[in-house]
PDB file of N, CA and C in Angstrom:
ATOM      1  N   LYS A   1      95.064  70.327 116.446  1.00  0.00           N
ATOM      2  CA  LYS A   1      94.851  69.995 115.038  1.00  0.00           C
ATOM      3  C   LYS A   1      93.719  69.086 114.833  1.00  0.00           C
ATOM      4  N   GLY A   2      93.017  69.261 113.757  1.00  0.00           N
ATOM      5  CA  GLY A   2      91.845  68.435 113.438  1.00  0.00           C
ATOM      6  C   GLY A   2      90.625  68.641 114.256  1.00  0.00           C
ATOM      7  N   ALA A   3      90.654  69.565 115.227  1.00  0.00           N
ATOM      8  CA  ALA A   3      89.519  69.799 116.087  1.00  0.00           C
ATOM      9  C   ALA A   3      88.460  70.602 115.297  1.00  0.00           C
ATOM     10  N   ILE A   4      87.188  70.265 115.511  1.00  0.00           N
ATOM     11  CA  ILE A   4      86.089  71.041 114.862  1.00  0.00           C
ATOM     12  C   ILE A   4      85.730  72.196 115.770  1.00  0.00           C
ATOM     13  N   ASP A   5      85.704  73.363 115.261  1.00  0.00           N
ATOM     14  CA  ASP A   5      85.297  74.485 116.038  1.00  0.00           C
ATOM     15  C   ASP A   5      83.791  74.377 116.334  1.00  0.00           C
ATOM     16  N   TYR A   6      83.410  74.346 117.570  1.00  0.00           N
ATOM     17  CA  TYR A   6      82.089  74.097 118.054  1.00  0.00           C
ATOM     18  C   TYR A   6      81.139  75.187 117.447  1.00  0.00           C
ATOM     19  N   ARG A   7      81.670  76.467 117.482  1.00  0.00           N
ATOM     20  CA  ARG A   7      80.782  77.559 116.919  1.00  0.00           C
ATOM     21  C   ARG A   7      80.464  77.355 115.538  1.00  0.00           C
ATOM     22  N   VAL A   8      81.366  76.853 114.707  1.00  0.00           N
ATOM     23  CA  VAL A   8      81.055  76.683 113.258  1.00  0.00           C
ATOM     24  C   VAL A   8      80.169  75.533 113.045  1.00  0.00           C
ATOM     25  N   LYS A   9      80.415  74.411 113.725  1.00  0.00           N
ATOM     26  CA  LYS A   9      79.731  73.127 113.634  1.00  0.00           C
ATOM     27  C   LYS A   9      78.209  73.345 113.957  1.00  0.00           C
ATOM     28  N   ASN A  10      77.908  74.233 114.851  1.00  0.00           N
ATOM     29  CA  ASN A  10      76.507  74.418 115.329  1.00  0.00           C
ATOM     30  C   ASN A  10      75.895  75.743 114.820  1.00  0.00           C
ATOM     31  N   TRP A  11      76.389  76.278 113.764  1.00  0.00           N
ATOM     32  CA  TRP A  11      75.715  77.486 113.157  1.00  0.00           C
ATOM     33  C   TRP A  11      74.403  77.140 112.659  1.00  0.00           C
ATOM     34  N   PRO A  12      73.466  78.133 112.742  1.00  0.00           N
ATOM     35  CA  PRO A  12      72.104  77.917 112.201  1.00  0.00           C
ATOM     36  C   PRO A  12      72.212  77.872 110.693  1.00  0.00           C
ATOM     37  N   ALA A  13      71.212  77.282 110.048  1.00  0.00           N
ATOM     38  CA  ALA A  13      71.256  77.013 108.625  1.00  0.00           C
ATOM     39  C   ALA A  13      71.316  78.412 107.836  1.00  0.00           C
ATOM     40  N   ASN A  14      70.764  79.481 108.435  1.00  0.00           N
ATOM     41  CA  ASN A  14      70.802  80.780 107.784  1.00  0.00           C
ATOM     42  C   ASN A  14      72.026  81.570 108.038  1.00  0.00           C
ATOM     43  N   ALA A  15      72.990  81.059 108.731  1.00  0.00           N
ATOM     44  CA  ALA A  15      74.175  81.729 109.169  1.00  0.00           C
ATOM     45  C   ALA A  15      74.988  82.327 107.964  1.00  0.00           C
ATOM     46  N   VAL A  16      75.038  81.516 106.900  1.00  0.00           N
ATOM     47  CA  VAL A  16      75.826  81.962 105.752  1.00  0.00           C
ATOM     48  C   VAL A  16      75.132  83.132 105.139  1.00  0.00           C
ATOM     49  N   SER A  17      73.865  83.152 104.934  1.00  0.00           N
ATOM     50  CA  SER A  17      73.205  84.271 104.328  1.00  0.00           C
ATOM     51  C   SER A  17      73.188  85.457 105.215  1.00  0.00           C
ATOM     52  N   VAL A  18      73.053  85.279 106.536  1.00  0.00           N
ATOM     53  CA  VAL A  18      73.132  86.402 107.438  1.00  0.00           C
ATOM     54  C   VAL A  18      74.498  86.968 107.446  1.00  0.00           C
ATOM     55  N   SER A  19      75.544  86.220 107.418  1.00  0.00           N
ATOM     56  CA  SER A  19      76.869  86.694 107.430  1.00  0.00           C
ATOM     57  C   SER A  19      77.253  87.620 106.243  1.00  0.00           C
ATOM     58  N   LYS A  20      76.535  87.488 105.143  1.00  0.00           N
ATOM     59  CA  LYS A  20      76.731  88.334 103.943  1.00  0.00           C
ATOM     60  C   LYS A  20      76.550  89.837 104.297  1.00  0.00           C
ATOM     61  N   THR A  21      75.721  90.039 105.248  1.00  0.00           N
ATOM     62  CA  THR A  21      75.417  91.436 105.570  1.00  0.00           C
ATOM     63  C   THR A  21      76.476  92.069 106.487  1.00  0.00           C
ATOM     64  N   TYR A  22      77.277  91.354 107.208  1.00  0.00           N
ATOM     65  CA  TYR A  22      78.296  91.942 107.977  1.00  0.00           C
ATOM     66  C   TYR A  22      79.414  92.612 107.142  1.00  0.00           C
ATOM     67  N   GLY A  23      79.799  93.783 107.588  1.00  0.00           N
ATOM     68  CA  GLY A  23      80.845  94.475 106.864  1.00  0.00           C
ATOM     69  C   GLY A  23      80.408  95.096 105.604  1.00  0.00           C
ATOM     70  N   THR A  24      79.139  95.059 105.232  1.00  0.00           N
ATOM     71  CA  THR A  24      78.634  95.645 104.009  1.00  0.00           C
ATOM     72  C   THR A  24      78.218  97.083 104.208  1.00  0.00           C
ATOM     73  N   GLN A  25      78.228  97.574 105.485  1.00  0.00           N
ATOM     74  CA  GLN A  25      77.714  98.980 105.685  1.00  0.00           C
ATOM     75  C   GLN A  25      78.758  99.934 105.253  1.00  0.00           C
ATOM     76  N   SER A  26      78.310 100.931 104.504  1.00  0.00           N
ATOM     77  CA  SER A  26      79.173 101.963 104.084  1.00  0.00           C
ATOM     78  C   SER A  26      79.616 102.836 105.298  1.00  0.00           C
ATOM     79  N   PRO A  27      80.720 103.645 105.142  1.00  0.00           N
ATOM     80  CA  PRO A  27      81.127 104.472 106.249  1.00  0.00           C
ATOM     81  C   PRO A  27      79.983 105.474 106.639  1.00  0.00           C
ATOM     82  N   GLU A  28      79.207 105.910 105.694  1.00  0.00           N
ATOM     83  CA  GLU A  28      78.082 106.806 105.993  1.00  0.00           C
ATOM     84  C   GLU A  28      77.097 106.129 106.869  1.00  0.00           C
ATOM     85  N   GLU A  29      76.791 104.885 106.561  1.00  0.00           N
ATOM     86  CA  GLU A  29      75.822 104.124 107.333  1.00  0.00           C
ATOM     87  C   GLU A  29      76.320 103.911 108.754  1.00  0.00           C
ATOM     88  N   LYS A  30      77.564 103.587 108.870  1.00  0.00           N
ATOM     89  CA  LYS A  30      78.159 103.375 110.192  1.00  0.00           C
ATOM     90  C   LYS A  30      78.114 104.710 111.084  1.00  0.00           C
ATOM     91  N   ARG A  31      78.409 105.818 110.362  1.00  0.00           N
ATOM     92  CA  ARG A  31      78.328 107.089 111.004  1.00  0.00           C
ATOM     93  C   ARG A  31      76.853 107.440 111.520  1.00  0.00           C
ATOM     94  N   ARG A  32      75.886 107.183 110.602  1.00  0.00           N
ATOM     95  CA  ARG A  32      74.514 107.392 110.961  1.00  0.00           C
ATOM     96  C   ARG A  32      74.174 106.555 112.265  1.00  0.00           C
ATOM     97  N   ARG A  33      74.566 105.351 112.272  1.00  0.00           N
ATOM     98  CA  ARG A  33      74.297 104.432 113.403  1.00  0.00           C
ATOM     99  C   ARG A  33      74.981 104.940 114.689  1.00  0.00           C
ATOM    100  N   TYR A  34      76.268 105.396 114.533  1.00  0.00           N
ATOM    101  CA  TYR A  34      76.987 105.836 115.740  1.00  0.00           C
ATOM    102  C   TYR A  34      76.306 107.169 116.277  1.00  0.00           C
ATOM    103  N   LEU A  35      75.929 108.099 115.352  1.00  0.00           N
ATOM    104  CA  LEU A  35      75.320 109.388 115.778  1.00  0.00           C
ATOM    105  C   LEU A  35      73.966 109.088 116.439  1.00  0.00           C
ATOM    106  N   ALA A  36      73.178 108.153 115.853  1.00  0.00           N
ATOM    107  CA  ALA A  36      71.807 107.865 116.475  1.00  0.00           C
ATOM    108  C   ALA A  36      72.000 107.313 117.846  1.00  0.00           C
ATOM    109  N   ARG A  37      72.946 106.473 118.070  1.00  0.00           N
ATOM    110  CA  ARG A  37      73.221 105.869 119.426  1.00  0.00           C
ATOM    111  C   ARG A  37      73.666 106.979 120.397  1.00  0.00           C
ATOM    112  N   LYS A  38      74.581 107.832 119.846  1.00  0.00           N
ATOM    113  CA  LYS A  38      75.079 108.911 120.731  1.00  0.00           C
ATOM    114  C   LYS A  38      73.959 109.838 121.141  1.00  0.00           C
ATOM    115  N   ARG A  39      73.103 110.240 120.191  1.00  0.00           N
ATOM    116  CA  ARG A  39      72.028 111.147 120.526  1.00  0.00           C
ATOM    117  C   ARG A  39      71.035 110.528 121.518  1.00  0.00           C
ATOM    118  N   LEU A  40      70.803 109.257 121.372  1.00  0.00           N
ATOM    119  CA  LEU A  40      69.877 108.581 122.287  1.00  0.00           C
ATOM    120  C   LEU A  40      70.486 108.500 123.634  1.00  0.00           C
ATOM    121  N   ARG A  41      71.733 108.168 123.782  1.00  0.00           N
ATOM    122  CA  ARG A  41      72.465 108.194 125.079  1.00  0.00           C
ATOM    123  C   ARG A  41      72.314 109.519 125.779  1.00  0.00           C
ATOM    124  N   TYR A  42      72.583 110.604 125.029  1.00  0.00           N
ATOM    125  CA  TYR A  42      72.568 112.003 125.552  1.00  0.00           C
ATOM    126  C   TYR A  42      71.096 112.331 125.983  1.00  0.00           C
ATOM    127  N   ALA A  43      70.105 111.854 125.251  1.00  0.00           N
ATOM    128  CA  ALA A  43      68.700 112.154 125.624  1.00  0.00           C
ATOM    129  C   ALA A  43      68.369 111.430 126.895  1.00  0.00           C
ATOM    130  N   ILE A  44      68.911 110.216 127.116  1.00  0.00           N
ATOM    131  CA  ILE A  44      68.611 109.467 128.301  1.00  0.00           C
ATOM    132  C   ILE A  44      69.260 110.180 129.500  1.00  0.00           C
ATOM    133  N   ILE A  45      70.572 110.570 129.318  1.00  0.00           N
ATOM    134  CA  ILE A  45      71.327 111.167 130.397  1.00  0.00           C
ATOM    135  C   ILE A  45      70.733 112.495 130.781  1.00  0.00           C
ATOM    136  N   SER A  46      70.247 113.303 129.754  1.00  0.00           N
ATOM    137  CA  SER A  46      69.733 114.607 130.052  1.00  0.00           C
ATOM    138  C   SER A  46      68.259 114.533 130.638  1.00  0.00           C
ATOM    139  N   GLY A  47      67.674 113.419 130.536  1.00  0.00           N
ATOM    140  CA  GLY A  47      66.326 113.190 131.046  1.00  0.00           C
ATOM    141  C   GLY A  47      65.167 113.482 130.047  1.00  0.00           C
ATOM    142  N   ARG A  48      65.525 113.732 128.801  1.00  0.00           N
ATOM    143  CA  ARG A  48      64.514 113.948 127.747  1.00  0.00           C
ATOM    144  C   ARG A  48      63.767 112.667 127.421  1.00  0.00           C
ATOM    145  N   ILE A  49      64.472 111.567 127.621  1.00  0.00           N
ATOM    146  CA  ILE A  49      63.895 110.259 127.363  1.00  0.00           C
ATOM    147  C   ILE A  49      64.070 109.408 128.564  1.00  0.00           C
ATOM    148  N   ILE A  50      63.058 108.684 128.998  1.00  0.00           N
ATOM    149  CA  ILE A  50      63.069 107.831 130.162  1.00  0.00           C
ATOM    150  C   ILE A  50      62.869 106.391 129.642  1.00  0.00           C
ATOM    151  N   LYS A  51      63.827 105.561 129.983  1.00  0.00           N
ATOM    152  CA  LYS A  51      63.728 104.166 129.586  1.00  0.00           C
ATOM    153  C   LYS A  51      62.580 103.456 130.410  1.00  0.00           C
ATOM    154  N   PRO A  52      61.682 102.766 129.731  1.00  0.00           N
ATOM    155  CA  PRO A  52      60.723 102.018 130.460  1.00  0.00           C
ATOM    156  C   PRO A  52      61.353 100.869 131.209  1.00  0.00           C
ATOM    157  N   PRO A  53      60.665 100.401 132.293  1.00  0.00           N
ATOM    158  CA  PRO A  53      61.256  99.353 133.065  1.00  0.00           C
ATOM    159  C   PRO A  53      61.268  97.928 132.429  1.00  0.00           C
ATOM    160  N   THR A  54      60.370  97.724 131.497  1.00  0.00           N
ATOM    161  CA  THR A  54      60.248  96.430 130.896  1.00  0.00           C
ATOM    162  C   THR A  54      60.170  96.475 129.407  1.00  0.00           C
ATOM    163  N   CYS A  55      60.379  95.342 128.699  1.00  0.00           N
ATOM    164  CA  CYS A  55      60.327  95.229 127.301  1.00  0.00           C
ATOM    165  C   CYS A  55      58.974  95.714 126.788  1.00  0.00           C
ATOM    166  N   GLN A  56      58.924  96.396 125.645  1.00  0.00           N
ATOM    167  CA  GLN A  56      57.718  96.891 125.073  1.00  0.00           C
ATOM    168  C   GLN A  56      56.900  95.850 124.306  1.00  0.00           C
ATOM    169  N   LEU A  57      57.400  94.696 124.085  1.00  0.00           N
ATOM    170  CA  LEU A  57      56.652  93.684 123.357  1.00  0.00           C
ATOM    171  C   LEU A  57      55.654  93.130 124.369  1.00  0.00           C
ATOM    172  N   SER A  58      54.387  92.944 123.842  1.00  0.00           N
ATOM    173  CA  SER A  58      53.335  92.544 124.808  1.00  0.00           C
ATOM    174  C   SER A  58      53.591  91.190 125.386  1.00  0.00           C
ATOM    175  N   GLY A  59      53.424  91.083 126.697  1.00  0.00           N
ATOM    176  CA  GLY A  59      53.509  89.847 127.315  1.00  0.00           C
ATOM    177  C   GLY A  59      54.971  89.395 127.783  1.00  0.00           C
ATOM    178  N   CYS A  60      55.874  90.246 127.431  1.00  0.00           N
ATOM    179  CA  CYS A  60      57.359  89.868 127.773  1.00  0.00           C
ATOM    180  C   CYS A  60      57.648  90.099 129.254  1.00  0.00           C
ATOM    181  N   GLY A  61      57.620  91.399 129.646  1.00  0.00           N
ATOM    182  CA  GLY A  61      57.825  91.660 131.062  1.00  0.00           C
ATOM    183  C   GLY A  61      59.272  91.629 131.560  1.00  0.00           C
ATOM    184  N   LEU A  62      60.167  91.255 130.705  1.00  0.00           N
ATOM    185  CA  LEU A  62      61.641  91.189 131.122  1.00  0.00           C
ATOM    186  C   LEU A  62      62.202  92.632 131.142  1.00  0.00           C
ATOM    187  N   ALA A  63      63.271  92.774 131.922  1.00  0.00           N
ATOM    188  CA  ALA A  63      63.830  94.034 132.021  1.00  0.00           C
ATOM    189  C   ALA A  63      64.358  94.605 130.706  1.00  0.00           C
ATOM    190  N   VAL A  64      64.290  95.855 130.521  1.00  0.00           N
ATOM    191  CA  VAL A  64      64.732  96.502 129.230  1.00  0.00           C
ATOM    192  C   VAL A  64      66.290  96.639 129.304  1.00  0.00           C
ATOM    193  N   ALA A  65      66.851  96.292 128.243  1.00  0.00           N
ATOM    194  CA  ALA A  65      68.305  96.412 128.112  1.00  0.00           C
ATOM    195  C   ALA A  65      68.721  97.411 127.024  1.00  0.00           C
ATOM    196  N   ASP A  66      67.994  97.358 125.915  1.00  0.00           N
ATOM    197  CA  ASP A  66      68.366  98.110 124.747  1.00  0.00           C
ATOM    198  C   ASP A  66      67.327  98.922 124.110  1.00  0.00           C
ATOM    199  N   GLY A  67      67.609  99.975 123.525  1.00  0.00           N
ATOM    200  CA  GLY A  67      66.697 100.686 122.546  1.00  0.00           C
ATOM    201  C   GLY A  67      67.011 100.255 121.162  1.00  0.00           C
ATOM    202  N   HIS A  68      66.066  99.720 120.439  1.00  0.00           N
ATOM    203  CA  HIS A  68      66.229  99.304 119.053  1.00  0.00           C
ATOM    204  C   HIS A  68      65.846 100.358 118.061  1.00  0.00           C
ATOM    205  N   HIS A  69      66.769 100.724 117.196  1.00  0.00           N
ATOM    206  CA  HIS A  69      66.434 101.726 116.188  1.00  0.00           C
ATOM    207  C   HIS A  69      65.921 101.074 114.884  1.00  0.00           C
ATOM    208  N   GLU A  70      64.754 101.343 114.463  1.00  0.00           N
ATOM    209  CA  GLU A  70      64.289 100.874 113.114  1.00  0.00           C
ATOM    210  C   GLU A  70      64.864 101.714 112.059  1.00  0.00           C
ATOM    211  N   ASP A  71      65.069 102.979 112.303  1.00  0.00           N
ATOM    212  CA  ASP A  71      65.561 103.965 111.380  1.00  0.00           C
ATOM    213  C   ASP A  71      66.575 104.946 112.118  1.00  0.00           C
ATOM    214  N   TYR A  72      67.853 104.830 111.694  1.00  0.00           N
ATOM    215  CA  TYR A  72      68.849 105.660 112.308  1.00  0.00           C
ATOM    216  C   TYR A  72      68.672 107.091 112.038  1.00  0.00           C
ATOM    217  N   ASP A  73      67.838 107.503 111.063  1.00  0.00           N
ATOM    218  CA  ASP A  73      67.606 108.926 110.752  1.00  0.00           C
ATOM    219  C   ASP A  73      66.687 109.514 111.802  1.00  0.00           C
ATOM    220  N   ARG A  74      66.056 108.740 112.594  1.00  0.00           N
ATOM    221  CA  ARG A  74      65.131 109.148 113.711  1.00  0.00           C
ATOM    222  C   ARG A  74      65.745 108.588 114.995  1.00  0.00           C
ATOM    223  N   PRO A  75      66.814 109.217 115.499  1.00  0.00           N
ATOM    224  CA  PRO A  75      67.578 108.677 116.601  1.00  0.00           C
ATOM    225  C   PRO A  75      66.776 108.519 117.926  1.00  0.00           C
ATOM    226  N   LEU A  76      65.784 109.347 118.177  1.00  0.00           N
ATOM    227  CA  LEU A  76      65.022 109.281 119.383  1.00  0.00           C
ATOM    228  C   LEU A  76      63.819 108.360 119.289  1.00  0.00           C
ATOM    229  N   ASP A  77      63.548 107.838 118.181  1.00  0.00           N
ATOM    230  CA  ASP A  77      62.401 106.906 117.933  1.00  0.00           C
ATOM    231  C   ASP A  77      62.887 105.454 118.055  1.00  0.00           C
ATOM    232  N   VAL A  78      62.772 104.893 119.250  1.00  0.00           N
ATOM    233  CA  VAL A  78      63.298 103.516 119.432  1.00  0.00           C
ATOM    234  C   VAL A  78      62.222 102.729 120.059  1.00  0.00           C
ATOM    235  N   VAL A  79      62.400 101.460 119.956  1.00  0.00           N
ATOM    236  CA  VAL A  79      61.523 100.412 120.582  1.00  0.00           C
ATOM    237  C   VAL A  79      62.395  99.840 121.713  1.00  0.00           C
ATOM    238  N   TRP A  80      61.923  99.845 122.926  1.00  0.00           N
ATOM    239  CA  TRP A  80      62.667  99.333 124.062  1.00  0.00           C
ATOM    240  C   TRP A  80      62.458  97.794 124.160  1.00  0.00           C
ATOM    241  N   LEU A  81      63.564  97.031 124.070  1.00  0.00           N
ATOM    242  CA  LEU A  81      63.411  95.609 124.022  1.00  0.00           C
ATOM    243  C   LEU A  81      64.396  95.001 124.986  1.00  0.00           C
ATOM    244  N   CYS A  82      64.027  93.844 125.588  1.00  0.00           N
ATOM    245  CA  CYS A  82      64.861  93.038 126.306  1.00  0.00           C
ATOM    246  C   CYS A  82      65.982  92.428 125.345  1.00  0.00           C
ATOM    247  N   HIS A  83      66.961  91.897 125.983  1.00  0.00           N
ATOM    248  CA  HIS A  83      68.056  91.383 125.200  1.00  0.00           C
ATOM    249  C   HIS A  83      67.724  90.320 124.249  1.00  0.00           C
ATOM    250  N   GLU A  84      66.896  89.352 124.602  1.00  0.00           N
ATOM    251  CA  GLU A  84      66.450  88.325 123.704  1.00  0.00           C
ATOM    252  C   GLU A  84      65.676  88.816 122.498  1.00  0.00           C
ATOM    253  N   HIS A  85      64.733  89.731 122.752  1.00  0.00           N
ATOM    254  CA  HIS A  85      63.941  90.301 121.653  1.00  0.00           C
ATOM    255  C   HIS A  85      64.711  91.194 120.763  1.00  0.00           C
ATOM    256  N   HIS A  86      65.714  91.834 121.296  1.00  0.00           N
ATOM    257  CA  HIS A  86      66.575  92.640 120.538  1.00  0.00           C
ATOM    258  C   HIS A  86      67.371  91.767 119.551  1.00  0.00           C
ATOM    259  N   LYS A  87      67.958  90.725 120.084  1.00  0.00           N
ATOM    260  CA  LYS A  87      68.679  89.805 119.161  1.00  0.00           C
ATOM    261  C   LYS A  87      67.775  89.272 118.081  1.00  0.00           C
ATOM    262  N   GLN A  88      66.591  88.917 118.398  1.00  0.00           N
ATOM    263  CA  GLN A  88      65.596  88.401 117.395  1.00  0.00           C
ATOM    264  C   GLN A  88      65.324  89.447 116.309  1.00  0.00           C
ATOM    265  N   GLU A  89      65.093  90.699 116.745  1.00  0.00           N
ATOM    266  CA  GLU A  89      64.825  91.804 115.819  1.00  0.00           C
ATOM    267  C   GLU A  89      65.973  92.053 114.914  1.00  0.00           C
ATOM    268  N   ASP A  90      67.230  92.088 115.509  1.00  0.00           N
ATOM    269  CA  ASP A  90      68.376  92.300 114.681  1.00  0.00           C
ATOM    270  C   ASP A  90      68.618  91.199 113.642  1.00  0.00           C
ATOM    271  N   LEU A  91      68.319  89.993 114.086  1.00  0.00           N
ATOM    272  CA  LEU A  91      68.493  88.882 113.123  1.00  0.00           C
ATOM    273  C   LEU A  91      67.451  88.992 112.030  1.00  0.00           C
ATOM    274  N   ARG A  92      66.244  89.355 112.281  1.00  0.00           N
ATOM    275  CA  ARG A  92      65.164  89.560 111.307  1.00  0.00           C
ATOM    276  C   ARG A  92      65.609  90.632 110.333  1.00  0.00           C
ATOM    277  N   ALA A  93      66.200  91.729 110.811  1.00  0.00           N
ATOM    278  CA  ALA A  93      66.570  92.845 109.878  1.00  0.00           C
ATOM    279  C   ALA A  93      67.743  92.400 109.071  1.00  0.00           C
ATOM    280  N   ARG A  94      68.666  91.551 109.593  1.00  0.00           N
ATOM    281  CA  ARG A  94      69.871  91.125 108.809  1.00  0.00           C
ATOM    282  C   ARG A  94      69.413  90.105 107.709  1.00  0.00           C
ATOM    283  N   LEU A  95      68.404  89.307 108.091  1.00  0.00           N
ATOM    284  CA  LEU A  95      67.848  88.349 107.089  1.00  0.00           C
ATOM    285  C   LEU A  95      67.205  89.104 105.950  1.00  0.00           C
ATOM    286  N   GLU A  96      66.506  90.120 106.229  1.00  0.00           N
ATOM    287  CA  GLU A  96      65.792  90.906 105.224  1.00  0.00           C
ATOM    288  C   GLU A  96      66.862  91.553 104.312  1.00  0.00           C
ATOM    289  N   ALA A  97      67.958  92.077 104.903  1.00  0.00           N
ATOM    290  CA  ALA A  97      69.050  92.699 104.123  1.00  0.00           C
ATOM    291  C   ALA A  97      69.713  91.684 103.291  1.00  0.00           C
ATOM    292  N   ALA A  98      69.941  90.531 103.797  1.00  0.00           N
ATOM    293  CA  ALA A  98      70.528  89.395 103.000  1.00  0.00           C
ATOM    294  C   ALA A  98      69.697  89.051 101.813  1.00  0.00           C
ATOM    295  N   ARG A  99      68.390  88.972 102.008  1.00  0.00           N
ATOM    296  CA  ARG A  99      67.442  88.724 100.872  1.00  0.00           C
ATOM    297  C   ARG A  99      67.603  89.845  99.837  1.00  0.00           C
ATOM    298  N   ARG A 100      67.697  91.061 100.227  1.00  0.00           N
ATOM    299  CA  ARG A 100      67.812  92.175  99.278  1.00  0.00           C
ATOM    300  C   ARG A 100      69.161  92.054  98.455  1.00  0.00           C
ATOM    301  N   ILE A 101      70.227  91.604  99.130  1.00  0.00           N
ATOM    302  CA  ILE A 101      71.553  91.439  98.504  1.00  0.00           C
ATOM    303  C   ILE A 101      71.572  90.310  97.531  1.00  0.00           C
ATOM    304  N   SER A 102      70.886  89.196  97.856  1.00  0.00           N
ATOM    305  CA  SER A 102      70.941  87.989  97.017  1.00  0.00           C
ATOM    306  C   SER A 102      70.165  88.163  95.724  1.00  0.00           C
TER     307      SER A 102
END
């Protein structure tokens, strides 16, 4: 009782505006996202797409973890990013969406 949740206490200043975008995706948008990821996975497994060994941002050089979709309607058009850069890119996209909502 009375304890402050560390996660809430140390939220970044923009956390409130960013959190407005969570849960706002329509079922159609969620389906587009799911299908884009599924098609990308299949393309990798089938050998149509080969993941590069490092992050595509210049000068990074870290191992690639994720394919980042700018547009879910183009499921095979991805930017290969390390985990850190993928988090930054997702945060940027959520902030832009929050600005459009406000």
